[in-house]
Each structure stands twice: as structure tokens, then as C-alpha cells.
Amino acid sequence: MCNIGPAEIARRRQTALIGLALTLITLAVVIVLPVAPPVRFIVALPAAGTAIAFLQVALKFCVAFGSLGVFNFDQVGKVNRIEDAAARSRDRWRAMRMILAGLAIGVIVGILAVVLPL
């Protein structure tokens, strides 16, 4: 189930695009500068954040809101508490899975940056 409406989704889309730009810039910097291949793994950090942001857009689900047990289908910044304890628990679990998926994607991108031949 989703926990964010159009305004919140647009905000996360903007964050995802900024994250993508930062990931690509980071990748370009570690490729252009003479850094050791293991140092290139730093690309995993912005890549993970970007992946989480894109997952939030695609799934219409905010991980922070899911962790806090709130939702928002109105204007940005306004939240409502989920009263049902079982629903809050499911949302927390979904948020954790999305975070883990984003971290896994970040690690994959980091590994690709390390093994990228130059």
C-alpha cells in the first residue's frame, strides 16, 4: 500500500534525480582522478541513497514515513499517524526491505566502479 500522495512523490522524484547526478559526478571524479580501485567503492554511498529515492517514487512509499508509522496524501510536510498497530508494523517491515534493497543496489554499483577497467 502507498503512504504518500502526488506532492510527496514529486519531492522524492526530485531527490532521486539529484542523487543520480551526484552518483554520476562521484563516479566521474573517481575515474578521472588517479585513485586506487578500492577507493572507487565510495560511489556506493550516493548510489544507495539514489536507489532508495527511486524505489520510493516507484512504490509510492516513503521509508521514513513507513518507519515512523505515518502517511501523507495532502501537501508536503503534513502527516497523519497510522492508528492500526499491525499496519504500522507492516509499513516498518516494508521500509526496512526498501532500505536493504537500496543498499544492495549501492553495493552493486560500488563493486562495478571498483572493477571498471581504466
Foldseek 3Di string as FASTA:
>chain_A
DAFEADQVLVVLVVVLVVLVVVLVVLLVVPVPDPDALLVLLVSLVSQLVSQLSVVCNVVNHDLVCLQVQWGDRDHPPDIDHHPDPVSSVVSNVVSVVSSVVSSVRSNVVSVCSSPPDD
